[in-house]
N, C-alpha and C. Protein backbone atom coordinates (compact mmCIF):
# COMPACT_ATOMS: atom_id res chain seq x y z
N UNK A 1 5.56 -2.37 2.87
CA UNK A 1 4.38 -1.14 3.89
C UNK A 1 4.18 -2.46 4.92
N UNK A 2 4.37 -1.78 5.78
CA UNK A 2 3.81 -3.05 7.64
C UNK A 2 2.65 -2.08 8.05
N UNK A 3 2.29 -3.14 9.18
CA UNK A 3 1.41 -2.14 9.55
C UNK A 3 2.36 -1.67 11.21
N UNK A 4 1.44 -0.22 11.70
CA UNK A 4 1.96 -0.01 12.43
C UNK A 4 1.43 0.85 12.97
N UNK A 5 1.16 0.50 14.33
CA UNK A 5 0.66 0.95 15.60
C UNK A 5 0.71 2.78 15.75
N UNK A 6 1.51 3.27 15.12
CA UNK A 6 2.31 4.84 15.07
C UNK A 6 1.39 5.60 14.44
N UNK A 7 1.33 5.02 13.36
CA UNK A 7 -0.17 5.41 12.62
C UNK A 7 -1.29 6.07 12.81
N UNK A 8 -1.67 5.34 14.15
CA UNK A 8 -2.87 5.33 14.90
C UNK A 8 -2.98 6.62 16.18
N UNK A 9 -1.58 7.39 15.84
CA UNK A 9 -1.89 8.22 17.02
C UNK A 9 -2.80 10.09 17.00
N UNK A 10 -3.16 9.76 15.42
CA UNK A 10 -3.93 10.96 15.27
C UNK A 10 -5.20 10.81 15.78
N UNK A 11 -5.80 11.79 16.00
CA UNK A 11 -7.52 12.14 16.23
C UNK A 11 -8.17 11.41 15.00
N UNK A 12 -7.61 11.81 13.75
CA UNK A 12 -8.14 12.25 12.95
C UNK A 12 -7.82 10.87 11.50
N UNK A 13 -7.70 9.82 12.25
CA UNK A 13 -7.97 8.85 11.55
C UNK A 13 -9.02 7.64 11.36
N UNK A 14 -9.10 7.71 10.51
CA UNK A 14 -10.63 7.42 9.43
C UNK A 14 -10.61 5.61 9.16
N UNK A 15 -11.47 5.24 8.97
CA UNK A 15 -12.03 3.59 8.81
C UNK A 15 -10.96 3.04 7.54
N UNK A 16 -10.79 4.05 6.57
CA UNK A 16 -10.11 3.81 5.75
C UNK A 16 -8.75 4.13 5.76
N UNK A 17 -7.68 4.15 7.00
CA UNK A 17 -6.48 4.31 7.42
C UNK A 17 -6.68 2.80 8.29
N UNK A 18 -7.86 2.86 9.01
CA UNK A 18 -7.38 1.01 9.60
C UNK A 18 -7.42 0.28 8.72
N UNK A 19 -8.32 0.33 7.12
CA UNK A 19 -8.00 -0.91 6.57
C UNK A 19 -6.90 -1.01 5.48
N UNK A 20 -6.22 0.31 5.57
CA UNK A 20 -5.40 0.02 4.62
C UNK A 20 -4.05 0.01 5.43
N UNK A 21 -3.76 0.25 6.83
CA UNK A 21 -2.96 -0.53 7.43
C UNK A 21 -2.99 -1.65 7.88
N UNK A 22 -4.39 -2.51 8.52
CA UNK A 22 -4.21 -3.12 8.96
C UNK A 22 -4.05 -4.47 7.49
N UNK A 23 -4.55 -4.25 6.52
CA UNK A 23 -4.40 -5.35 5.36
C UNK A 23 -2.80 -5.03 4.45
N UNK A 24 -2.54 -3.55 4.41
CA UNK A 24 -0.94 -3.71 4.59
C UNK A 24 -1.60 -3.36 2.82
N UNK A 25 -3.13 -2.27 2.89
CA UNK A 25 -3.22 -1.86 1.55
C UNK A 25 -2.29 -1.22 0.71
N UNK A 26 -2.02 -0.37 -0.73
CA UNK A 26 -1.23 0.68 -1.56
C UNK A 26 -2.69 1.43 -1.83
N UNK A 27 -2.14 2.76 -2.24
CA UNK A 27 -3.20 3.64 -2.17
C UNK A 27 -3.77 3.44 -3.16
N UNK A 28 -3.11 2.85 -3.84
CA UNK A 28 -3.86 2.12 -5.63
C UNK A 28 -4.76 1.01 -5.18
N UNK A 29 -4.27 -0.26 -4.05
CA UNK A 29 -5.74 -0.77 -3.91
C UNK A 29 -7.00 -0.07 -3.08
N UNK A 30 -6.67 0.37 -2.87
CA UNK A 30 -7.87 1.73 -1.94
C UNK A 30 -8.73 2.26 -2.93
N UNK A 31 -8.02 2.54 -3.89
CA UNK A 31 -8.46 3.48 -4.91
C UNK A 31 -9.40 2.58 -5.76
N UNK A 32 -8.73 1.50 -5.91
CA UNK A 32 -9.81 0.26 -6.27
C UNK A 32 -10.57 0.14 -6.14
N UNK A 33 -10.74 -0.19 -4.59
CA UNK A 33 -11.56 -1.20 -3.41
C UNK A 33 -13.06 -0.04 -3.69
N UNK A 34 -12.51 1.75 -3.99
CA UNK A 34 -13.11 2.04 -3.47
C UNK A 34 -14.27 2.52 -4.93
N UNK A 35 -13.32 2.40 -6.37
CA UNK A 35 -14.39 2.17 -7.32
C UNK A 35 -15.13 1.34 -7.83
N UNK A 36 -14.53 -0.30 -7.55
CA UNK A 36 -15.39 -1.38 -7.24
C UNK A 36 -16.77 -1.04 -6.50
N UNK A 37 -16.59 -0.50 -5.63
CA UNK A 37 -17.40 -0.16 -4.45
C UNK A 37 -18.82 0.94 -5.51
N UNK A 38 -18.04 1.76 -5.67
CA UNK A 38 -18.93 2.65 -6.20
C UNK A 38 -20.29 2.03 -7.86
N UNK A 39 -19.33 1.73 -8.57
CA UNK A 39 -19.70 1.03 -9.79
C UNK A 39 -20.37 -0.56 -10.11
N UNK A 40 -20.92 -0.90 -8.57
CA UNK A 40 -21.02 -2.66 -9.16
C UNK A 40 -22.02 -3.43 -10.58
N UNK A 41 -22.11 -4.06 -10.45
CA UNK A 41 -20.57 -4.97 -11.31
C UNK A 41 -19.73 -3.91 -12.11
N UNK A 42 -18.76 -4.50 -11.96
CA UNK A 42 -17.58 -3.18 -12.67
C UNK A 42 -16.37 -4.30 -13.26
N UNK A 43 -15.93 -4.15 -14.95
CA UNK A 43 -15.18 -5.08 -14.89
C UNK A 43 -13.57 -3.90 -15.11
N UNK A 44 -12.38 -4.72 -15.60
CA UNK A 44 -11.20 -3.69 -15.77
C UNK A 44 -11.24 -3.02 -16.15
N UNK A 45 -12.05 -2.99 -17.11
CA UNK A 45 -11.83 -1.50 -17.94
C UNK A 45 -12.61 -0.27 -17.97
N UNK A 46 -13.75 -0.91 -17.10
CA UNK A 46 -14.73 0.20 -16.30
C UNK A 46 -13.51 0.50 -15.25
N UNK A 47 -13.05 -0.20 -14.10
CA UNK A 47 -12.05 0.64 -13.49
C UNK A 47 -10.86 1.37 -13.92
N UNK A 48 -10.27 0.77 -15.27
CA UNK A 48 -9.22 1.86 -15.77
C UNK A 48 -10.07 3.01 -16.59
N UNK A 49 -11.26 3.05 -16.59
CA UNK A 49 -11.71 4.48 -16.81
C UNK A 49 -11.90 5.29 -16.50
N UNK A 50 -11.86 4.79 -15.08
CA UNK A 50 -12.12 5.66 -13.79
C UNK A 50 -10.63 6.63 -13.03
N UNK A 51 -9.65 5.23 -13.10
CA UNK A 51 -8.50 5.30 -12.96
C UNK A 51 -7.18 4.87 -13.84
N UNK A 52 -6.89 5.83 -14.68
CA UNK A 52 -6.06 5.57 -15.37
C UNK A 52 -4.76 5.44 -15.34
N UNK A 53 -4.36 3.82 -14.65
CA UNK A 53 -3.53 2.67 -14.58
C UNK A 53 -3.81 1.32 -15.73
N UNK A 54 -2.14 1.29 -15.78
CA UNK A 54 -2.07 -0.23 -16.58
C UNK A 54 -3.19 -1.47 -15.97
N UNK A 55 -4.17 -2.41 -17.03
CA UNK A 55 -4.45 -3.27 -16.40
C UNK A 55 -3.99 -4.05 -15.64
N UNK A 56 -2.90 -4.22 -16.07
CA UNK A 56 -2.19 -5.27 -15.24
C UNK A 56 -1.84 -5.11 -13.93
N UNK A 57 -1.47 -3.37 -13.50
CA UNK A 57 -1.87 -2.45 -11.88
C UNK A 57 -3.08 -2.95 -11.39
N UNK A 58 -4.32 -2.70 -12.27
CA UNK A 58 -5.58 -2.96 -11.74
C UNK A 58 -5.77 -4.19 -11.43
N UNK A 59 -5.55 -5.21 -11.76
CA UNK A 59 -5.84 -6.66 -11.82
C UNK A 59 -5.00 -7.51 -10.66
N UNK A 60 -3.61 -6.43 -10.67
CA UNK A 60 -2.79 -6.88 -9.10
C UNK A 60 -3.37 -6.38 -8.23
N UNK A 61 -4.42 -5.30 -7.79
CA UNK A 61 -4.78 -4.64 -7.11
C UNK A 61 -6.39 -5.70 -6.61
N UNK A 62 -7.04 -5.87 -7.70
CA UNK A 62 -7.95 -6.77 -7.78
C UNK A 62 -7.81 -8.29 -7.02
N UNK A 63 -6.50 -8.39 -7.20
CA UNK A 63 -6.37 -10.24 -7.04
C UNK A 63 -5.81 -9.62 -5.85
N UNK A 64 -5.49 -8.70 -5.37
CA UNK A 64 -5.44 -8.58 -3.61
C UNK A 64 -6.53 -8.83 -3.11
N UNK A 65 -7.30 -7.37 -3.31
CA UNK A 65 -8.79 -7.33 -2.89
C UNK A 65 -9.90 -8.42 -2.70
N UNK A 66 -9.47 -9.74 -3.51
CA UNK A 66 -9.92 -10.93 -3.46
C UNK A 66 -9.34 -11.72 -2.67
N UNK A 67 -8.36 -11.44 -2.46
CA UNK A 67 -7.92 -12.72 -1.30
C UNK A 67 -8.31 -11.69 0.10
N UNK A 68 -7.95 -10.70 0.41
CA UNK A 68 -8.49 -10.39 1.66
C UNK A 68 -10.19 -10.48 2.05
N UNK A 69 -10.90 -10.51 0.65
CA UNK A 69 -12.03 -10.98 0.44
C UNK A 69 -13.07 -9.81 0.69
N UNK A 70 -12.68 -8.31 0.25
CA UNK A 70 -13.29 -7.56 0.12
C UNK A 70 -14.33 -6.92 -1.02
N UNK A 71 -13.12 -7.73 -2.00
CA UNK A 71 -13.96 -7.86 -3.98
C UNK A 71 -14.78 -9.22 -3.88
N UNK A 72 -15.68 -9.50 -4.83
CA UNK A 72 -15.73 -10.86 -5.28
C UNK A 72 -15.72 -10.55 -6.56
N UNK A 73 -15.58 -11.99 -7.44
CA UNK A 73 -15.90 -11.92 -8.59
C UNK A 73 -16.40 -12.99 -9.39
N UNK A 74 -17.16 -12.35 -10.74
CA UNK A 74 -18.05 -13.37 -10.99
C UNK A 74 -17.42 -13.27 -12.63
N UNK A 75 -17.97 -14.59 -13.15
CA UNK A 75 -17.53 -15.08 -14.43
C UNK A 75 -18.79 -14.72 -15.05
N UNK A 76 -18.48 -13.83 -16.72
CA UNK A 76 -19.65 -13.73 -17.20
C UNK A 76 -19.67 -14.34 -18.24
N UNK A 77 -19.84 -15.01 -19.45
CA UNK A 77 -19.87 -15.90 -20.43
C UNK A 77 -20.29 -14.54 -21.55
N UNK A 78 -19.74 -14.31 -22.54
CA UNK A 78 -20.34 -13.18 -23.34
C UNK A 78 -21.07 -14.06 -24.80
N UNK A 79 -21.97 -13.32 -25.20
CA UNK A 79 -22.65 -13.77 -26.20
C UNK A 79 -21.51 -14.17 -27.50
N UNK A 80 -20.13 -12.76 -27.93
CA UNK A 80 -19.82 -13.31 -29.39
C UNK A 80 -19.17 -14.39 -28.83
N UNK A 81 -18.95 -15.07 -27.61
CA UNK A 81 -18.06 -15.94 -27.22
C UNK A 81 -16.91 -15.42 -25.99
N UNK A 82 -16.23 -16.33 -25.88
CA UNK A 82 -15.43 -15.83 -24.58
C UNK A 82 -15.93 -15.53 -23.30
N UNK A 83 -15.33 -14.46 -22.51
CA UNK A 83 -16.11 -14.25 -21.43
C UNK A 83 -15.11 -13.21 -20.24
N UNK A 84 -15.89 -12.79 -19.38
CA UNK A 84 -14.82 -11.92 -18.79
C UNK A 84 -15.52 -12.04 -17.57
N UNK A 85 -14.78 -11.22 -16.35
CA UNK A 85 -15.41 -11.30 -14.87
C UNK A 85 -15.96 -9.81 -14.39
N UNK A 86 -16.89 -9.79 -13.42
CA UNK A 86 -17.20 -8.84 -13.45
C UNK A 86 -17.08 -8.45 -12.01
N UNK A 87 -16.81 -7.68 -11.20
CA UNK A 87 -15.95 -7.75 -9.51
C UNK A 87 -17.34 -6.08 -8.91
N UNK A 88 -17.66 -6.66 -7.78
CA UNK A 88 -18.43 -5.94 -7.08
C UNK A 88 -17.02 -6.43 -5.65
N UNK A 89 -17.78 -5.74 -4.68
CA UNK A 89 -17.45 -5.01 -3.48
C UNK A 89 -18.78 -5.57 -2.15
N UNK A 90 -18.12 -5.91 -0.98
CA UNK A 90 -18.50 -6.10 -0.04
C UNK A 90 -19.17 -5.38 0.13
N UNK A 91 -20.76 -4.84 1.10
CA UNK A 91 -20.98 -3.58 1.17
C UNK A 91 -20.24 -3.03 2.33
N UNK A 92 -20.43 -2.10 2.73
CA UNK A 92 -19.94 -1.43 3.91
C UNK A 92 -19.96 -1.49 4.94
N UNK A 93 -21.33 -2.09 5.32
CA UNK A 93 -21.36 -2.70 6.80
C UNK A 93 -20.97 -3.83 6.30
N UNK A 94 -20.67 -5.02 5.67
CA UNK A 94 -20.03 -6.13 5.48
C UNK A 94 -18.28 -6.28 5.57
N UNK A 95 -18.09 -4.97 5.22
CA UNK A 95 -16.59 -4.61 5.53
C UNK A 95 -15.97 -3.88 6.92
N UNK A 96 -17.08 -3.27 7.50
CA UNK A 96 -16.76 -2.75 9.09
C UNK A 96 -17.42 -4.21 9.26
N UNK A 97 -17.71 -5.10 9.10
CA UNK A 97 -17.76 -6.12 10.01
C UNK A 97 -16.74 -6.93 10.59
N UNK A 98 -16.35 -7.19 8.76
CA UNK A 98 -15.01 -8.31 8.74
C UNK A 98 -13.84 -7.95 9.31
N UNK A 99 -13.74 -6.02 9.20
CA UNK A 99 -12.75 -5.39 10.18
C UNK A 99 -12.60 -5.53 11.35
N UNK A 100 -13.63 -5.52 12.26
CA UNK A 100 -13.92 -5.83 13.76
C UNK A 100 -13.62 -7.18 13.91
N UNK A 101 -13.91 -7.87 13.27
CA UNK A 101 -14.02 -9.00 13.53
C UNK A 101 -12.29 -9.62 13.72
N UNK A 102 -11.88 -8.91 12.21
CA UNK A 102 -9.99 -9.48 12.43
C UNK A 102 -9.27 -8.60 13.84
N UNK A 103 -9.65 -7.00 13.97
CA UNK A 103 -9.16 -6.72 14.72
C UNK A 103 -9.14 -7.34 16.22
N UNK A 104 -10.94 -7.86 16.65
CA UNK A 104 -11.00 -8.57 17.88
C UNK A 104 -9.96 -9.87 17.99
N UNK A 105 -9.71 -10.62 16.85
CA UNK A 105 -8.89 -11.14 17.11
C UNK A 105 -7.60 -11.24 17.02
N UNK A 106 -6.66 -10.35 16.23
CA UNK A 106 -5.27 -9.98 16.57
C UNK A 106 -5.52 -9.48 18.10
N UNK A 107 -6.34 -8.14 18.52
CA UNK A 107 -6.47 -8.14 19.71
C UNK A 107 -5.97 -9.52 20.80
N UNK A 108 -7.37 -10.24 20.51
CA UNK A 108 -6.82 -11.60 21.80
C UNK A 108 -5.61 -12.21 20.85
N UNK A 109 -4.88 -12.21 20.41
CA UNK A 109 -3.63 -12.70 20.47
C UNK A 109 -2.27 -12.08 20.91
N UNK A 110 -3.28 -10.97 20.51
CA UNK A 110 -1.53 -9.91 21.21
C UNK A 110 -1.60 -9.62 22.27
N UNK A 111 -3.62 -9.38 22.78
CA UNK A 111 -3.22 -9.97 24.75
C UNK A 111 -2.71 -11.16 25.30
N UNK A 112 -2.57 -12.19 24.67
CA UNK A 112 -2.26 -13.41 24.88
C UNK A 112 -0.41 -13.17 24.24
N UNK A 113 -0.12 -12.61 23.76
CA UNK A 113 1.45 -12.58 23.82
C UNK A 113 2.14 -11.65 24.96
N UNK A 114 1.14 -10.87 25.06
CA UNK A 114 1.52 -9.82 26.06
C UNK A 114 1.88 -10.38 27.28
N UNK A 115 0.52 -11.11 27.64
CA UNK A 115 0.66 -12.32 28.74
C UNK A 115 1.42 -12.96 29.17
N UNK A 116 2.38 -13.55 27.93
CA UNK A 116 3.06 -14.68 28.27
C UNK A 116 5.19 -14.17 28.34
N UNK A 117 4.88 -12.52 28.12
CA UNK A 117 6.12 -11.87 27.94
C UNK A 117 6.51 -12.22 29.29
N UNK A 118 7.95 -13.06 29.85
CA UNK A 118 8.68 -12.96 30.57
C UNK A 118 9.81 -12.47 30.51
N UNK A 119 10.38 -12.01 31.74
CA UNK A 119 12.35 -11.43 31.75
C UNK A 119 12.83 -12.52 31.10
N UNK A 120 12.59 -13.93 31.68
CA UNK A 120 13.00 -14.99 30.41
C UNK A 120 13.31 -15.06 28.82
N UNK A 121 12.38 -14.64 28.64
CA UNK A 121 12.07 -14.93 27.41
C UNK A 121 13.11 -13.73 26.98
N UNK A 122 12.91 -12.38 26.89
CA UNK A 122 13.66 -11.28 27.00
C UNK A 122 15.14 -11.68 27.18
N UNK A 123 15.89 -12.11 27.93
CA UNK A 123 16.79 -13.01 27.83
C UNK A 123 17.36 -13.35 27.33
N UNK A 124 16.61 -14.35 26.88
CA UNK A 124 16.62 -15.58 25.92
C UNK A 124 16.89 -14.75 24.70
N UNK A 125 16.27 -13.60 24.23
CA UNK A 125 15.92 -12.96 23.50
C UNK A 125 17.53 -12.46 22.50
N UNK A 126 17.64 -11.91 24.11
CA UNK A 126 19.39 -10.67 23.96
C UNK A 126 20.61 -11.79 23.71
N UNK A 127 20.26 -13.19 24.55
CA UNK A 127 21.49 -14.34 24.53
C UNK A 127 21.74 -14.61 22.95
N UNK A 128 20.03 -14.92 21.90
CA UNK A 128 20.46 -15.05 20.65
C UNK A 128 20.89 -14.26 19.91
N UNK A 129 20.66 -12.90 20.42
CA UNK A 129 21.10 -11.60 19.60
C UNK A 129 22.89 -11.41 19.50
N UNK A 130 23.25 -11.94 20.52
CA UNK A 130 24.65 -11.52 21.24
C UNK A 130 25.34 -12.95 20.25
N UNK A 131 24.57 -14.27 20.55
CA UNK A 131 25.37 -15.24 19.64
C UNK A 131 25.52 -15.55 18.55
N UNK A 132 24.45 -14.63 17.74
CA UNK A 132 24.04 -14.25 16.36
C UNK A 132 25.73 -12.96 15.76
N UNK A 133 25.38 -12.23 16.50
CA UNK A 133 26.74 -11.50 16.14
C UNK A 133 28.31 -10.85 17.06
N UNK A 134 28.10 -12.56 17.93
CA UNK A 134 29.58 -12.49 18.26
C UNK A 134 31.06 -13.13 17.19
N UNK A 135 32.01 -12.39 17.35
CA UNK A 135 32.91 -12.41 16.55
C UNK A 135 33.23 -14.57 16.70
């Protein structure tokens, strides 16, 4: 899935639509985020009790959410030996703030890129396309 500005043409856009598009989340990853947010802290089994999907699928979603910083993990040592991880999400206020900061950073980079757009750069791109496909 790629980020598409055309998905924001609707007046019905929600914060979840923005999060999904901006971070290229799947429906499954958004569902896992919602589950982790509601049942804090929760382990993989707790998530699979709500979302009837394979543990590997849930683990992959958790890994992505950890990477973008919406979910935190805590390693818990079990009394009978071993350990497990408990997952919790940022608060909705923290998620909103993180999203706003990231969008502002991208907006600045986009404005800079637009400001640097010149006829010469467009011509150079055209020439590189011609060279690439020239027989």
